[in-house]
Every structure is written in C-alpha cells, then in structure tokens.
C-alpha cells in the first residue's frame, strides 16, 4: 500500500507485518532458552566457576560461552520480532544538498560582515537566534 503524498512526513509505503504463528512460537522457545542461559550464567557466577577452574581456565571459558550464547540468542529474538511483527514503513523526507548539511545557506557561503545596513546588534541577535526576522 503506497500513497501519492509528497509532503514531509507522509507515509510513502506501508506494508503490514506478517505476524506468522511459527515466528511467535520460535520467539517463545528462544525466550525459554534465553532464560536457561541467563540462569546458568548467574549460577556460574554465584558458584565461582571462574575461580574454581582458575588453574585450567575452563570456568572462564564456560562463562564466556554462556555470555556469548545469551547475546546471540537475544539477537535472534530481536531479529525475528523485527522481521515478523513490525511494519515496513517508508516516510517521505526532505532531500538535502551536500552544502545544506553544513547548515549554511548558499548565499552565506562566503560569510557575513559584522556590520551591515541593519546594524551590529541585529546581526548578533540573528547569530544567537537564527529564526529572528525571517
């Protein structure tokens, strides 16, 4: 579904999410696996696996693996949620030229004099408050 509006903020394209049941079940299962990994990691910290296996270094490797598994699993959960349950929306935005990224108008590219026909005080006010008398 797309609209023909071209004003800023109009929705150009909107595709509703799929909301598949298989993705919901996968997210629930991955959440249970996440809870198991977090529980094992907290138990390993409380039981001092890293200190107990200090001579071999196995405790640190197990805790590192569990922490890695926690974040990878969380990444898969967020990936599935974003792909299956969030809509795909494209909003019309203003296209800017390269010089506009510097927040300088084209006629101000060479700079401004401090004193002009409006006076120095008005120039200072415009520098402090840029939308003064526009």
N, C-alpha and C. Protein backbone atom coordinates (compact mmCIF):
# COMPACT_ATOMS: atom_id res chain seq x y z
N UNK A 1 0.84 -1.17 0.00
CA UNK A 1 0.00 0.00 0.00
C UNK A 1 0.89 1.23 0.00
N UNK A 2 0.72 2.10 -0.98
CA UNK A 2 1.51 3.31 -1.03
C UNK A 2 0.59 4.49 -1.29
N UNK A 3 1.05 5.67 -0.89
CA UNK A 3 0.27 6.88 -1.10
C UNK A 3 0.99 7.77 -2.08
N UNK A 4 0.25 8.74 -2.61
CA UNK A 4 0.86 9.65 -3.58
C UNK A 4 1.27 10.95 -2.92
N UNK A 5 1.15 11.07 -1.62
CA UNK A 5 1.51 12.30 -0.93
C UNK A 5 3.01 12.55 -0.99
N UNK A 6 3.36 13.82 -1.18
CA UNK A 6 4.78 14.14 -1.26
C UNK A 6 5.18 15.18 -0.22
N UNK A 7 4.31 15.51 0.70
CA UNK A 7 4.70 16.45 1.75
C UNK A 7 5.48 15.69 2.81
N UNK A 8 6.30 16.44 3.54
CA UNK A 8 7.18 15.82 4.51
C UNK A 8 6.37 15.15 5.61
N UNK A 9 6.72 13.93 5.94
CA UNK A 9 6.04 13.19 6.99
C UNK A 9 4.96 12.26 6.47
N UNK A 10 4.57 12.37 5.20
CA UNK A 10 3.58 11.45 4.64
C UNK A 10 4.18 10.06 4.54
N UNK A 11 3.33 9.07 4.71
CA UNK A 11 3.77 7.69 4.56
C UNK A 11 3.78 7.34 3.08
N UNK A 12 4.95 7.02 2.56
CA UNK A 12 5.10 6.70 1.14
C UNK A 12 4.75 5.24 0.87
N UNK A 13 5.18 4.35 1.76
CA UNK A 13 4.89 2.93 1.60
C UNK A 13 4.65 2.33 2.98
N UNK A 14 3.62 1.50 3.09
CA UNK A 14 3.31 0.82 4.35
C UNK A 14 2.97 -0.63 4.03
N UNK A 15 3.77 -1.54 4.55
CA UNK A 15 3.48 -2.96 4.40
C UNK A 15 3.25 -3.54 5.78
N UNK A 16 2.07 -4.10 6.01
CA UNK A 16 1.78 -4.64 7.35
C UNK A 16 2.67 -5.86 7.65
N UNK A 17 2.90 -6.12 8.93
CA UNK A 17 3.74 -7.28 9.28
C UNK A 17 3.03 -8.59 8.98
N UNK A 18 3.83 -9.65 8.82
CA UNK A 18 3.25 -10.97 8.51
C UNK A 18 2.57 -11.60 9.72
N UNK A 19 3.16 -11.43 10.89
CA UNK A 19 2.63 -11.98 12.15
C UNK A 19 2.38 -13.49 12.06
N UNK A 20 3.40 -14.21 11.66
CA UNK A 20 3.24 -15.66 11.50
C UNK A 20 3.26 -16.37 12.85
N UNK A 21 2.53 -17.46 12.92
CA UNK A 21 2.47 -18.25 14.15
C UNK A 21 3.79 -18.96 14.42
N UNK A 22 4.45 -19.41 13.37
CA UNK A 22 5.73 -20.10 13.54
C UNK A 22 6.77 -19.16 14.16
N UNK A 23 6.77 -17.89 13.76
CA UNK A 23 7.71 -16.94 14.34
C UNK A 23 7.39 -16.68 15.80
N UNK A 24 6.11 -16.62 16.14
CA UNK A 24 5.72 -16.41 17.54
C UNK A 24 6.15 -17.59 18.40
N UNK A 25 5.97 -18.79 17.89
CA UNK A 25 6.39 -19.98 18.65
C UNK A 25 7.91 -20.00 18.79
N UNK A 26 8.63 -19.64 17.71
CA UNK A 26 10.09 -19.61 17.78
C UNK A 26 10.58 -18.58 18.78
N UNK A 27 9.92 -17.43 18.85
CA UNK A 27 10.30 -16.40 19.82
C UNK A 27 10.08 -16.89 21.24
N UNK A 28 8.96 -17.57 21.47
CA UNK A 28 8.68 -18.10 22.82
C UNK A 28 9.73 -19.16 23.20
N UNK A 29 10.06 -20.06 22.28
CA UNK A 29 11.06 -21.09 22.58
C UNK A 29 12.44 -20.47 22.81
N UNK A 30 12.81 -19.51 21.98
CA UNK A 30 14.09 -18.83 22.18
C UNK A 30 14.12 -18.06 23.49
N UNK A 31 12.98 -17.56 23.92
CA UNK A 31 12.92 -16.87 25.21
C UNK A 31 13.16 -17.83 26.35
N UNK A 32 12.61 -19.05 26.28
CA UNK A 32 12.87 -20.05 27.31
C UNK A 32 14.35 -20.45 27.33
N UNK A 33 14.94 -20.59 26.14
CA UNK A 33 16.37 -20.90 26.06
C UNK A 33 17.18 -19.75 26.65
N UNK A 34 16.74 -18.53 26.40
CA UNK A 34 17.42 -17.36 26.95
C UNK A 34 17.39 -17.38 28.48
N UNK A 35 16.25 -17.72 29.04
CA UNK A 35 16.11 -17.79 30.50
C UNK A 35 17.05 -18.86 31.07
N UNK A 36 17.17 -19.99 30.38
CA UNK A 36 18.07 -21.06 30.84
C UNK A 36 19.52 -20.59 30.80
N UNK A 37 19.92 -19.93 29.70
CA UNK A 37 21.29 -19.42 29.60
C UNK A 37 21.59 -18.39 30.70
N UNK A 38 20.66 -17.48 30.93
CA UNK A 38 20.88 -16.46 31.96
C UNK A 38 20.95 -17.11 33.34
N UNK A 39 20.09 -18.10 33.61
CA UNK A 39 20.12 -18.78 34.91
C UNK A 39 21.45 -19.52 35.10
N UNK A 40 21.94 -20.20 34.05
CA UNK A 40 23.23 -20.88 34.15
C UNK A 40 24.37 -19.90 34.37
N UNK A 41 24.32 -18.76 33.69
CA UNK A 41 25.37 -17.76 33.86
C UNK A 41 25.38 -17.20 35.28
N UNK A 42 24.20 -16.88 35.80
CA UNK A 42 24.11 -16.34 37.17
C UNK A 42 24.54 -17.41 38.18
N UNK A 43 24.15 -18.65 37.96
CA UNK A 43 24.58 -19.73 38.86
C UNK A 43 26.09 -19.91 38.81
N UNK A 44 26.66 -19.80 37.60
CA UNK A 44 28.11 -19.93 37.46
C UNK A 44 28.86 -18.81 38.16
N UNK A 45 28.30 -17.61 38.12
CA UNK A 45 28.93 -16.51 38.84
C UNK A 45 28.81 -16.70 40.35
N UNK A 46 27.63 -17.13 40.80
CA UNK A 46 27.42 -17.32 42.24
C UNK A 46 28.24 -18.49 42.78
N UNK A 47 28.42 -19.53 41.97
CA UNK A 47 29.18 -20.72 42.40
C UNK A 47 30.68 -20.57 42.16
N UNK A 48 31.09 -19.44 41.61
CA UNK A 48 32.51 -19.11 41.37
C UNK A 48 33.21 -20.13 40.46
N UNK A 49 32.56 -20.40 39.30
CA UNK A 49 33.17 -21.32 38.35
C UNK A 49 34.51 -20.77 37.85
N UNK A 50 34.60 -19.46 37.68
CA UNK A 50 35.83 -18.87 37.14
C UNK A 50 36.98 -19.02 38.13
N UNK A 51 36.69 -18.91 39.44
CA UNK A 51 37.74 -19.03 40.45
C UNK A 51 38.08 -20.50 40.68
N UNK A 52 37.07 -21.37 40.67
CA UNK A 52 37.30 -22.79 40.93
C UNK A 52 38.14 -23.42 39.82
N UNK A 53 37.91 -23.03 38.58
CA UNK A 53 38.68 -23.60 37.48
C UNK A 53 39.80 -22.69 37.02
N UNK A 54 40.37 -21.94 37.95
CA UNK A 54 41.38 -20.96 37.59
C UNK A 54 42.66 -21.61 37.06
N UNK A 55 42.99 -22.78 37.57
CA UNK A 55 44.22 -23.42 37.12
C UNK A 55 44.11 -23.91 35.67
N UNK A 56 42.91 -24.32 35.24
CA UNK A 56 42.75 -24.79 33.86
C UNK A 56 42.12 -23.73 32.96
N UNK A 57 41.43 -22.77 33.53
CA UNK A 57 40.78 -21.74 32.73
C UNK A 57 39.46 -22.17 32.13
N UNK A 58 38.97 -23.35 32.51
CA UNK A 58 37.72 -23.86 31.94
C UNK A 58 36.52 -23.05 32.42
N UNK A 59 36.56 -22.62 33.67
CA UNK A 59 35.43 -21.85 34.22
C UNK A 59 35.21 -20.56 33.47
N UNK A 60 36.30 -19.85 33.16
CA UNK A 60 36.18 -18.61 32.40
C UNK A 60 35.65 -18.86 30.99
N UNK A 61 36.08 -19.97 30.39
CA UNK A 61 35.61 -20.28 29.04
C UNK A 61 34.12 -20.62 29.04
N UNK A 62 33.68 -21.36 30.05
CA UNK A 62 32.25 -21.71 30.14
C UNK A 62 31.42 -20.45 30.35
N UNK A 63 31.84 -19.57 31.25
CA UNK A 63 31.10 -18.33 31.47
C UNK A 63 31.12 -17.44 30.22
N UNK A 64 32.23 -17.41 29.53
CA UNK A 64 32.31 -16.65 28.28
C UNK A 64 31.39 -17.21 27.21
N UNK A 65 31.34 -18.55 27.11
CA UNK A 65 30.43 -19.17 26.16
C UNK A 65 28.98 -18.85 26.50
N UNK A 66 28.64 -18.93 27.80
CA UNK A 66 27.26 -18.63 28.20
C UNK A 66 26.90 -17.18 27.90
N UNK A 67 27.82 -16.25 28.15
CA UNK A 67 27.55 -14.85 27.86
C UNK A 67 27.40 -14.62 26.36
N UNK A 68 28.22 -15.30 25.57
CA UNK A 68 28.09 -15.21 24.12
C UNK A 68 26.76 -15.77 23.66
N UNK A 69 26.37 -16.91 24.20
CA UNK A 69 25.09 -17.53 23.83
C UNK A 69 23.92 -16.65 24.21
N UNK A 70 24.02 -15.96 25.34
CA UNK A 70 22.94 -15.05 25.76
C UNK A 70 22.74 -13.96 24.73
N UNK A 71 23.82 -13.31 24.29
CA UNK A 71 23.68 -12.19 23.35
C UNK A 71 23.33 -12.64 21.94
N UNK A 72 23.83 -13.78 21.51
CA UNK A 72 23.46 -14.29 20.18
C UNK A 72 21.99 -14.68 20.16
N UNK A 73 21.53 -15.33 21.23
CA UNK A 73 20.13 -15.71 21.32
C UNK A 73 19.24 -14.48 21.35
N UNK A 74 19.64 -13.47 22.12
CA UNK A 74 18.87 -12.23 22.16
C UNK A 74 18.83 -11.57 20.79
N UNK A 75 19.92 -11.64 20.05
CA UNK A 75 19.94 -11.10 18.69
C UNK A 75 18.95 -11.81 17.78
N UNK A 76 18.86 -13.14 17.88
CA UNK A 76 17.89 -13.88 17.07
C UNK A 76 16.46 -13.54 17.46
N UNK A 77 16.21 -13.36 18.75
CA UNK A 77 14.86 -12.98 19.19
C UNK A 77 14.47 -11.64 18.60
N UNK A 78 15.37 -10.66 18.70
CA UNK A 78 15.08 -9.33 18.17
C UNK A 78 14.97 -9.34 16.65
N UNK A 79 15.77 -10.15 15.98
CA UNK A 79 15.69 -10.27 14.53
C UNK A 79 14.34 -10.81 14.08
N UNK A 80 13.89 -11.88 14.73
CA UNK A 80 12.58 -12.44 14.39
C UNK A 80 11.45 -11.46 14.68
N UNK A 81 11.55 -10.77 15.81
CA UNK A 81 10.49 -9.82 16.17
C UNK A 81 10.42 -8.68 15.15
N UNK A 82 11.59 -8.14 14.78
CA UNK A 82 11.60 -7.04 13.82
C UNK A 82 11.09 -7.47 12.45
N UNK A 83 11.48 -8.66 12.03
CA UNK A 83 11.12 -9.12 10.69
C UNK A 83 9.64 -9.50 10.59
N UNK A 84 9.09 -10.10 11.63
CA UNK A 84 7.75 -10.66 11.54
C UNK A 84 6.64 -9.81 12.17
N UNK A 85 7.00 -8.92 13.11
CA UNK A 85 5.94 -8.24 13.86
C UNK A 85 5.99 -6.72 13.78
N UNK A 86 6.95 -6.13 13.09
CA UNK A 86 6.99 -4.69 12.91
C UNK A 86 6.68 -4.36 11.45
N UNK A 87 5.85 -3.34 11.20
CA UNK A 87 5.52 -3.00 9.81
C UNK A 87 6.69 -2.33 9.11
N UNK A 88 6.69 -2.44 7.77
CA UNK A 88 7.71 -1.81 6.95
C UNK A 88 7.13 -0.49 6.46
N UNK A 89 7.65 0.62 6.97
CA UNK A 89 7.10 1.94 6.67
C UNK A 89 8.20 2.80 6.07
N UNK A 90 7.88 3.46 4.94
CA UNK A 90 8.79 4.43 4.35
C UNK A 90 8.11 5.79 4.40
N UNK A 91 8.78 6.76 5.03
CA UNK A 91 8.22 8.09 5.21
C UNK A 91 8.95 9.05 4.28
N UNK A 92 8.19 9.99 3.70
CA UNK A 92 8.78 10.98 2.81
C UNK A 92 9.61 11.93 3.66
N UNK A 93 10.86 12.12 3.27
CA UNK A 93 11.74 13.04 3.98
C UNK A 93 12.30 14.07 3.01
N UNK A 94 12.77 15.17 3.58
CA UNK A 94 13.34 16.23 2.76
C UNK A 94 14.71 15.81 2.23
N UNK A 95 14.90 15.99 0.95
CA UNK A 95 16.20 15.69 0.36
C UNK A 95 17.06 16.94 0.46
N UNK A 96 18.27 16.77 0.96
CA UNK A 96 19.16 17.90 1.15
C UNK A 96 20.35 17.82 0.20
N UNK A 97 20.83 19.00 -0.17
CA UNK A 97 22.05 19.05 -0.95
C UNK A 97 23.23 18.92 0.00
N UNK A 98 24.40 18.69 -0.55
CA UNK A 98 25.58 18.49 0.29
C UNK A 98 25.90 19.71 1.12
N UNK A 99 25.74 20.89 0.56
CA UNK A 99 26.10 22.09 1.31
C UNK A 99 25.11 22.37 2.42
N UNK A 100 23.88 21.82 2.34
CA UNK A 100 22.89 22.06 3.39
C UNK A 100 23.21 21.29 4.66
N UNK A 101 24.03 20.25 4.56
CA UNK A 101 24.41 19.52 5.75
C UNK A 101 25.28 20.35 6.68
N UNK A 102 25.89 21.40 6.15
CA UNK A 102 26.72 22.28 6.97
C UNK A 102 25.90 23.38 7.62
N UNK A 103 24.58 23.40 7.37
CA UNK A 103 23.66 24.41 7.90
C UNK A 103 24.08 25.82 7.46
N UNK A 104 24.54 25.92 6.23
CA UNK A 104 24.90 27.20 5.66
C UNK A 104 24.07 27.38 4.41
N UNK A 105 23.40 28.52 4.32
CA UNK A 105 22.66 28.81 3.10
C UNK A 105 23.63 29.15 1.99
N UNK A 106 23.21 28.98 0.76
CA UNK A 106 24.10 29.16 -0.38
C UNK A 106 24.62 30.60 -0.46
N UNK A 107 23.76 31.56 -0.15
CA UNK A 107 24.19 32.96 -0.23
C UNK A 107 25.12 33.33 0.94
N UNK A 108 25.21 32.47 1.96
CA UNK A 108 26.09 32.75 3.10
C UNK A 108 27.39 31.96 3.01
N UNK A 109 27.69 31.40 1.87
CA UNK A 109 28.88 30.55 1.75
C UNK A 109 30.17 31.34 1.95
N UNK A 110 30.17 32.63 1.57
CA UNK A 110 31.37 33.46 1.73
C UNK A 110 31.43 34.11 3.11
N UNK A 111 30.39 33.96 3.93
CA UNK A 111 30.38 34.57 5.26
C UNK A 111 29.62 35.89 5.26
N UNK A 112 29.49 36.49 6.43
CA UNK A 112 28.77 37.75 6.58
C UNK A 112 29.67 38.77 7.26
N UNK A 113 29.42 40.01 6.95
CA UNK A 113 30.13 41.07 7.66
C UNK A 113 29.43 41.32 8.99
N UNK A 114 30.18 41.79 9.97
CA UNK A 114 29.59 42.03 11.28
C UNK A 114 28.69 43.24 11.26
N UNK A 115 29.07 44.26 10.52
CA UNK A 115 28.27 45.49 10.46
C UNK A 115 27.73 45.61 9.05
N UNK A 116 26.42 45.70 8.94
CA UNK A 116 25.79 45.93 7.65
C UNK A 116 24.72 47.00 7.84
N UNK A 117 23.78 47.09 6.91
CA UNK A 117 22.78 48.16 6.99
C UNK A 117 21.82 48.01 8.18
N UNK A 118 21.67 46.81 8.73
CA UNK A 118 20.76 46.63 9.86
C UNK A 118 21.46 46.90 11.19
N UNK A 119 22.74 46.93 11.21
CA UNK A 119 23.45 47.24 12.45
C UNK A 119 24.05 45.99 13.06
N UNK A 120 25.05 46.20 13.91
CA UNK A 120 25.77 45.09 14.52
C UNK A 120 24.90 44.34 15.52
N UNK A 121 24.04 45.05 16.25
CA UNK A 121 23.23 44.39 17.27
C UNK A 121 22.24 43.40 16.65
N UNK A 122 21.62 43.76 15.53
CA UNK A 122 20.71 42.84 14.86
C UNK A 122 21.46 41.63 14.30
N UNK A 123 22.69 41.82 13.85
CA UNK A 123 23.49 40.70 13.37
C UNK A 123 23.82 39.73 14.50
N UNK A 124 24.14 40.27 15.66
CA UNK A 124 24.42 39.42 16.81
C UNK A 124 23.16 38.67 17.24
N UNK A 125 22.00 39.37 17.23
CA UNK A 125 20.74 38.70 17.59
C UNK A 125 20.42 37.58 16.62
N UNK A 126 20.69 37.79 15.32
CA UNK A 126 20.44 36.75 14.34
C UNK A 126 21.39 35.57 14.50
N UNK A 127 22.60 35.85 14.93
CA UNK A 127 23.57 34.76 15.15
C UNK A 127 23.17 33.93 16.36
N UNK A 128 22.63 34.58 17.39
CA UNK A 128 22.21 33.85 18.59
C UNK A 128 20.89 33.14 18.35
N UNK A 129 19.94 33.84 17.74
CA UNK A 129 18.63 33.27 17.48
C UNK A 129 18.43 33.26 15.97
N UNK A 130 18.69 32.14 15.28
CA UNK A 130 18.75 32.16 13.81
C UNK A 130 17.42 32.41 13.11
N UNK A 131 16.28 32.28 13.79
CA UNK A 131 14.99 32.47 13.12
C UNK A 131 14.44 33.86 13.36
N UNK A 132 15.29 34.80 13.79
CA UNK A 132 14.88 36.16 14.05
C UNK A 132 14.62 36.89 12.73
N UNK A 133 13.42 37.43 12.56
CA UNK A 133 13.01 38.22 11.38
C UNK A 133 13.25 37.48 10.07
N UNK A 134 12.66 36.33 9.93
CA UNK A 134 12.77 35.62 8.65
C UNK A 134 11.45 35.65 7.94
